[in-house]
Amino acid sequence: MSRSLDGLVLAPVADQAPGQVGTRTRFTYRERDGVIWADYAGGDVVRGHLVGTRRGDRLDFRYVQLEHDGTTSSGHCVSTVEELPDGRVRLAETWEWESREGAGTSVVEQVTEHDG
């Protein structure tokens, strides 16, 4: 199993569609005893939260977020935890909105202090 996500900050490597997370979104992860959760914000997202479980290198969680236009959205995501050659963490994600149309894949990677 890859190292703990607890305390790591991750960001998408590419922008998604409007009203979704993008490269300016930052996720701050917490992890304890197979439970994961995170707060996120930035870009089109005013505030978001996710909560779920980790089994090995597989995350399974639900997310909910508030966008700047006042709409709220929720969905489900399954991610695989990977370690990059430089030691940072990457999550390869497959997600689907449950409150609206849409599904896809994305990649988020650990942000280091000099990345901003």
N, C-alpha and C. Protein backbone atom coordinates (compact mmCIF):
# COMPACT_ATOMS: atom_id res chain seq x y z
N MET A 1 0.84 -1.18 0.00
CA MET A 1 0.00 0.00 0.00
C MET A 1 0.88 1.24 0.00
N SER A 2 0.48 2.23 -0.78
CA SER A 2 1.20 3.50 -0.83
C SER A 2 1.08 4.21 0.51
N ARG A 3 1.87 5.25 0.64
CA ARG A 3 1.88 5.98 1.90
C ARG A 3 0.55 6.67 2.17
N SER A 4 0.38 7.10 3.41
CA SER A 4 -0.85 7.74 3.85
C SER A 4 -1.10 9.04 3.09
N LEU A 5 -2.37 9.35 2.88
CA LEU A 5 -2.76 10.62 2.27
C LEU A 5 -2.93 11.72 3.33
N ASP A 6 -2.83 11.35 4.60
CA ASP A 6 -3.12 12.29 5.68
C ASP A 6 -2.25 13.54 5.61
N GLY A 7 -2.90 14.68 5.48
CA GLY A 7 -2.21 15.96 5.44
C GLY A 7 -1.72 16.39 4.08
N LEU A 8 -1.89 15.55 3.04
CA LEU A 8 -1.41 15.91 1.71
C LEU A 8 -2.38 16.85 1.02
N VAL A 9 -1.82 17.74 0.21
CA VAL A 9 -2.61 18.64 -0.63
C VAL A 9 -2.43 18.20 -2.07
N LEU A 10 -3.55 17.98 -2.78
CA LEU A 10 -3.50 17.53 -4.17
C LEU A 10 -4.30 18.49 -5.04
N ALA A 11 -3.94 18.52 -6.33
CA ALA A 11 -4.62 19.39 -7.29
C ALA A 11 -4.76 18.66 -8.62
N PRO A 12 -5.83 18.94 -9.36
CA PRO A 12 -6.00 18.35 -10.69
C PRO A 12 -4.88 18.81 -11.63
N VAL A 13 -4.48 17.93 -12.54
CA VAL A 13 -3.45 18.28 -13.52
C VAL A 13 -4.04 18.96 -14.74
N ALA A 14 -5.39 18.91 -14.89
CA ALA A 14 -6.06 19.55 -16.03
C ALA A 14 -7.41 20.08 -15.57
N ASP A 15 -7.91 21.09 -16.26
CA ASP A 15 -9.23 21.63 -15.97
C ASP A 15 -10.31 20.71 -16.50
N GLN A 16 -11.43 20.65 -15.77
CA GLN A 16 -12.61 19.93 -16.22
C GLN A 16 -13.59 20.97 -16.79
N ALA A 17 -14.83 20.59 -16.96
CA ALA A 17 -15.85 21.51 -17.48
C ALA A 17 -16.20 22.57 -16.44
N PRO A 18 -16.81 23.68 -16.84
CA PRO A 18 -17.22 24.71 -15.88
C PRO A 18 -18.09 24.12 -14.77
N GLY A 19 -17.92 24.64 -13.55
CA GLY A 19 -18.67 24.14 -12.41
C GLY A 19 -18.06 22.90 -11.79
N GLN A 20 -16.89 22.52 -12.27
CA GLN A 20 -16.22 21.35 -11.73
C GLN A 20 -14.84 21.75 -11.24
N VAL A 21 -14.14 20.82 -10.64
CA VAL A 21 -12.81 21.12 -10.15
C VAL A 21 -11.87 21.40 -11.31
N GLY A 22 -10.83 22.15 -11.04
CA GLY A 22 -9.84 22.49 -12.06
C GLY A 22 -8.47 22.67 -11.42
N THR A 23 -7.53 23.13 -12.20
CA THR A 23 -6.14 23.22 -11.73
C THR A 23 -5.98 24.18 -10.55
N ARG A 24 -6.93 25.08 -10.33
CA ARG A 24 -6.85 25.98 -9.19
C ARG A 24 -7.52 25.41 -7.93
N THR A 25 -8.14 24.23 -8.05
CA THR A 25 -8.78 23.58 -6.92
C THR A 25 -7.72 22.84 -6.10
N ARG A 26 -7.81 22.96 -4.78
CA ARG A 26 -6.89 22.26 -3.89
C ARG A 26 -7.69 21.37 -2.94
N PHE A 27 -7.27 20.11 -2.86
CA PHE A 27 -7.87 19.12 -1.97
C PHE A 27 -6.91 18.87 -0.82
N THR A 28 -7.38 19.01 0.41
CA THR A 28 -6.57 18.70 1.59
C THR A 28 -7.13 17.42 2.19
N TYR A 29 -6.36 16.34 2.05
CA TYR A 29 -6.80 15.01 2.46
C TYR A 29 -6.45 14.70 3.91
N ARG A 30 -7.32 13.89 4.51
CA ARG A 30 -7.08 13.31 5.83
C ARG A 30 -7.34 11.81 5.70
N GLU A 31 -6.66 11.03 6.52
CA GLU A 31 -6.83 9.58 6.47
C GLU A 31 -6.58 8.99 7.85
N ARG A 32 -7.46 8.08 8.25
CA ARG A 32 -7.27 7.40 9.52
C ARG A 32 -8.03 6.07 9.50
N ASP A 33 -7.32 4.98 9.75
CA ASP A 33 -7.91 3.64 9.90
C ASP A 33 -8.85 3.26 8.75
N GLY A 34 -8.42 3.50 7.52
CA GLY A 34 -9.19 3.12 6.36
C GLY A 34 -10.28 4.10 5.97
N VAL A 35 -10.39 5.20 6.69
CA VAL A 35 -11.37 6.24 6.37
C VAL A 35 -10.61 7.43 5.78
N ILE A 36 -11.13 7.98 4.68
CA ILE A 36 -10.53 9.17 4.07
C ILE A 36 -11.58 10.27 4.01
N TRP A 37 -11.12 11.51 4.08
CA TRP A 37 -11.98 12.65 3.89
C TRP A 37 -11.12 13.82 3.44
N ALA A 38 -11.76 14.79 2.81
CA ALA A 38 -11.02 15.95 2.34
C ALA A 38 -11.96 17.14 2.22
N ASP A 39 -11.38 18.31 2.38
CA ASP A 39 -12.04 19.57 2.06
C ASP A 39 -11.36 20.09 0.81
N TYR A 40 -12.14 20.75 -0.05
CA TYR A 40 -11.54 21.32 -1.25
C TYR A 40 -12.24 22.61 -1.65
N ALA A 41 -11.50 23.45 -2.35
CA ALA A 41 -12.00 24.74 -2.83
C ALA A 41 -11.04 25.26 -3.88
N GLY A 42 -11.53 26.23 -4.66
CA GLY A 42 -10.72 26.88 -5.68
C GLY A 42 -11.32 26.75 -7.05
N GLY A 43 -11.02 27.72 -7.90
CA GLY A 43 -11.61 27.73 -9.23
C GLY A 43 -13.10 27.98 -9.12
N ASP A 44 -13.92 27.16 -9.77
CA ASP A 44 -15.37 27.31 -9.75
C ASP A 44 -16.00 26.81 -8.45
N VAL A 45 -15.22 26.13 -7.60
CA VAL A 45 -15.76 25.53 -6.38
C VAL A 45 -15.51 26.44 -5.18
N VAL A 46 -16.61 26.84 -4.52
CA VAL A 46 -16.51 27.65 -3.30
C VAL A 46 -16.07 26.77 -2.14
N ARG A 47 -16.73 25.62 -2.00
CA ARG A 47 -16.42 24.69 -0.93
C ARG A 47 -16.88 23.30 -1.34
N GLY A 48 -16.06 22.31 -1.05
CA GLY A 48 -16.42 20.93 -1.32
C GLY A 48 -15.92 20.02 -0.23
N HIS A 49 -16.57 18.88 -0.09
CA HIS A 49 -16.18 17.89 0.91
C HIS A 49 -16.32 16.51 0.28
N LEU A 50 -15.43 15.62 0.67
CA LEU A 50 -15.56 14.23 0.26
C LEU A 50 -15.31 13.34 1.45
N VAL A 51 -15.91 12.16 1.43
CA VAL A 51 -15.73 11.19 2.51
C VAL A 51 -15.90 9.79 1.94
N GLY A 52 -15.06 8.87 2.43
CA GLY A 52 -15.14 7.51 1.93
C GLY A 52 -14.15 6.60 2.61
N THR A 53 -13.79 5.54 1.91
CA THR A 53 -12.92 4.51 2.48
C THR A 53 -11.72 4.26 1.58
N ARG A 54 -10.69 3.69 2.20
CA ARG A 54 -9.50 3.25 1.48
C ARG A 54 -9.24 1.79 1.82
N ARG A 55 -9.11 0.99 0.76
CA ARG A 55 -8.71 -0.41 0.92
C ARG A 55 -7.51 -0.62 0.01
N GLY A 56 -6.35 -0.77 0.61
CA GLY A 56 -5.12 -0.86 -0.17
C GLY A 56 -4.89 0.46 -0.89
N ASP A 57 -4.75 0.40 -2.20
CA ASP A 57 -4.53 1.62 -2.98
C ASP A 57 -5.80 2.06 -3.71
N ARG A 58 -6.96 1.63 -3.23
CA ARG A 58 -8.24 1.99 -3.85
C ARG A 58 -9.05 2.86 -2.89
N LEU A 59 -9.46 4.03 -3.39
CA LEU A 59 -10.34 4.92 -2.64
C LEU A 59 -11.73 4.83 -3.24
N ASP A 60 -12.75 4.88 -2.39
CA ASP A 60 -14.14 4.88 -2.84
C ASP A 60 -14.85 5.92 -1.99
N PHE A 61 -15.29 7.01 -2.63
CA PHE A 61 -15.88 8.09 -1.84
C PHE A 61 -17.00 8.82 -2.57
N ARG A 62 -17.79 9.53 -1.79
CA ARG A 62 -18.81 10.43 -2.29
C ARG A 62 -18.32 11.87 -2.06
N TYR A 63 -18.73 12.77 -2.95
CA TYR A 63 -18.34 14.17 -2.81
C TYR A 63 -19.56 15.07 -3.00
N VAL A 64 -19.50 16.25 -2.41
CA VAL A 64 -20.54 17.26 -2.55
C VAL A 64 -19.85 18.62 -2.61
N GLN A 65 -20.36 19.51 -3.45
CA GLN A 65 -19.69 20.80 -3.59
C GLN A 65 -20.68 21.92 -3.89
N LEU A 66 -20.26 23.14 -3.56
CA LEU A 66 -21.00 24.37 -3.83
C LEU A 66 -20.20 25.17 -4.83
N GLU A 67 -20.85 25.56 -5.94
CA GLU A 67 -20.17 26.36 -6.96
C GLU A 67 -20.48 27.85 -6.73
N HIS A 68 -19.71 28.70 -7.39
CA HIS A 68 -19.87 30.16 -7.25
C HIS A 68 -21.24 30.65 -7.69
N ASP A 69 -21.91 29.93 -8.59
CA ASP A 69 -23.24 30.37 -9.03
C ASP A 69 -24.35 29.95 -8.06
N GLY A 70 -23.97 29.32 -6.94
CA GLY A 70 -24.94 28.94 -5.91
C GLY A 70 -25.50 27.55 -6.06
N THR A 71 -25.12 26.83 -7.10
CA THR A 71 -25.62 25.47 -7.26
C THR A 71 -24.79 24.50 -6.43
N THR A 72 -25.44 23.41 -6.04
CA THR A 72 -24.74 22.33 -5.34
C THR A 72 -24.81 21.09 -6.20
N SER A 73 -23.80 20.25 -6.07
CA SER A 73 -23.72 19.01 -6.86
C SER A 73 -23.09 17.94 -6.00
N SER A 74 -23.41 16.68 -6.32
CA SER A 74 -22.82 15.56 -5.59
C SER A 74 -22.55 14.41 -6.55
N GLY A 75 -21.62 13.55 -6.14
CA GLY A 75 -21.27 12.43 -6.99
C GLY A 75 -20.48 11.37 -6.27
N HIS A 76 -20.01 10.40 -7.04
CA HIS A 76 -19.27 9.24 -6.54
C HIS A 76 -17.98 9.10 -7.33
N CYS A 77 -16.91 8.71 -6.64
CA CYS A 77 -15.60 8.58 -7.27
C CYS A 77 -14.87 7.35 -6.74
N VAL A 78 -14.18 6.67 -7.63
CA VAL A 78 -13.26 5.59 -7.26
C VAL A 78 -11.89 5.99 -7.79
N SER A 79 -10.89 5.95 -6.92
CA SER A 79 -9.54 6.39 -7.29
C SER A 79 -8.52 5.31 -6.97
N THR A 80 -7.45 5.32 -7.73
CA THR A 80 -6.30 4.45 -7.46
C THR A 80 -5.13 5.32 -7.04
N VAL A 81 -4.52 4.98 -5.91
CA VAL A 81 -3.38 5.74 -5.39
C VAL A 81 -2.11 5.22 -6.06
N GLU A 82 -1.32 6.14 -6.62
CA GLU A 82 -0.06 5.78 -7.26
C GLU A 82 1.04 6.66 -6.69
N GLU A 83 2.26 6.17 -6.71
CA GLU A 83 3.39 6.98 -6.30
C GLU A 83 4.21 7.35 -7.54
N LEU A 84 4.48 8.65 -7.69
CA LEU A 84 5.26 9.15 -8.82
C LEU A 84 6.75 8.91 -8.58
N PRO A 85 7.56 8.91 -9.63
CA PRO A 85 9.00 8.68 -9.48
C PRO A 85 9.67 9.66 -8.51
N ASP A 86 9.13 10.89 -8.40
CA ASP A 86 9.72 11.88 -7.48
C ASP A 86 9.19 11.76 -6.05
N GLY A 87 8.36 10.72 -5.79
CA GLY A 87 7.87 10.46 -4.44
C GLY A 87 6.51 11.09 -4.13
N ARG A 88 6.02 11.95 -5.03
CA ARG A 88 4.70 12.54 -4.80
C ARG A 88 3.61 11.51 -5.09
N VAL A 89 2.40 11.80 -4.61
CA VAL A 89 1.26 10.92 -4.78
C VAL A 89 0.39 11.41 -5.93
N ARG A 90 -0.13 10.46 -6.71
CA ARG A 90 -1.09 10.74 -7.78
C ARG A 90 -2.32 9.87 -7.55
N LEU A 91 -3.51 10.44 -7.80
CA LEU A 91 -4.75 9.68 -7.78
C LEU A 91 -5.32 9.65 -9.19
N ALA A 92 -5.53 8.45 -9.73
CA ALA A 92 -6.19 8.27 -11.01
C ALA A 92 -7.66 8.01 -10.70
N GLU A 93 -8.54 8.93 -11.12
CA GLU A 93 -9.93 8.93 -10.67
C GLU A 93 -10.92 8.60 -11.79
N THR A 94 -11.96 7.87 -11.42
CA THR A 94 -13.11 7.65 -12.27
C THR A 94 -14.32 8.13 -11.47
N TRP A 95 -15.04 9.13 -12.01
CA TRP A 95 -16.10 9.77 -11.24
C TRP A 95 -17.39 9.85 -12.04
N GLU A 96 -18.48 10.02 -11.30
CA GLU A 96 -19.79 10.18 -11.92
C GLU A 96 -20.64 11.07 -11.03
N TRP A 97 -21.22 12.09 -11.64
CA TRP A 97 -22.17 12.93 -10.90
C TRP A 97 -23.40 12.11 -10.59
N GLU A 98 -23.97 12.29 -9.40
CA GLU A 98 -25.23 11.64 -9.03
C GLU A 98 -26.38 12.64 -9.03
N SER A 99 -26.06 13.93 -8.94
CA SER A 99 -27.10 14.96 -8.87
C SER A 99 -27.34 15.64 -10.22
N ARG A 100 -26.52 15.31 -11.20
CA ARG A 100 -26.66 15.88 -12.53
C ARG A 100 -26.01 14.94 -13.54
N GLU A 101 -26.12 15.25 -14.80
CA GLU A 101 -25.52 14.43 -15.85
C GLU A 101 -23.99 14.61 -15.86
N GLY A 102 -23.29 13.54 -16.20
CA GLY A 102 -21.86 13.65 -16.41
C GLY A 102 -21.05 12.60 -15.68
N ALA A 103 -19.97 12.19 -16.32
CA ALA A 103 -19.04 11.22 -15.76
C ALA A 103 -17.72 11.39 -16.50
N GLY A 104 -16.65 10.89 -15.90
CA GLY A 104 -15.36 11.00 -16.58
C GLY A 104 -14.22 10.48 -15.75
N THR A 105 -13.03 10.82 -16.19
CA THR A 105 -11.82 10.45 -15.47
C THR A 105 -11.00 11.72 -15.26
N SER A 106 -10.17 11.69 -14.24
CA SER A 106 -9.28 12.82 -13.97
C SER A 106 -8.08 12.31 -13.20
N VAL A 107 -7.09 13.17 -13.10
CA VAL A 107 -5.87 12.87 -12.35
C VAL A 107 -5.59 14.04 -11.44
N VAL A 108 -5.33 13.74 -10.16
CA VAL A 108 -4.88 14.76 -9.23
C VAL A 108 -3.52 14.33 -8.69
N GLU A 109 -2.65 15.30 -8.47
CA GLU A 109 -1.31 15.01 -7.97
C GLU A 109 -0.99 15.87 -6.77
N GLN A 110 -0.13 15.34 -5.93
CA GLN A 110 0.32 16.06 -4.75
C GLN A 110 1.00 17.35 -5.13
N VAL A 111 0.63 18.42 -4.42
CA VAL A 111 1.22 19.74 -4.63
C VAL A 111 2.29 19.93 -3.56
N THR A 112 3.47 20.37 -3.97
CA THR A 112 4.51 20.68 -3.02
C THR A 112 4.50 22.17 -2.74
N GLU A 113 5.18 22.61 -1.71
CA GLU A 113 5.15 24.02 -1.31
C GLU A 113 5.50 24.96 -2.45
N HIS A 114 6.50 24.61 -3.26
CA HIS A 114 6.90 25.52 -4.35
C HIS A 114 5.94 25.49 -5.52
N ASP A 115 4.99 24.51 -5.54
CA ASP A 115 3.97 24.48 -6.59
C ASP A 115 2.88 25.50 -6.34
N GLY A 116 2.74 25.97 -5.09
CA GLY A 116 1.70 26.92 -4.75
C GLY A 116 0.47 26.19 -4.40
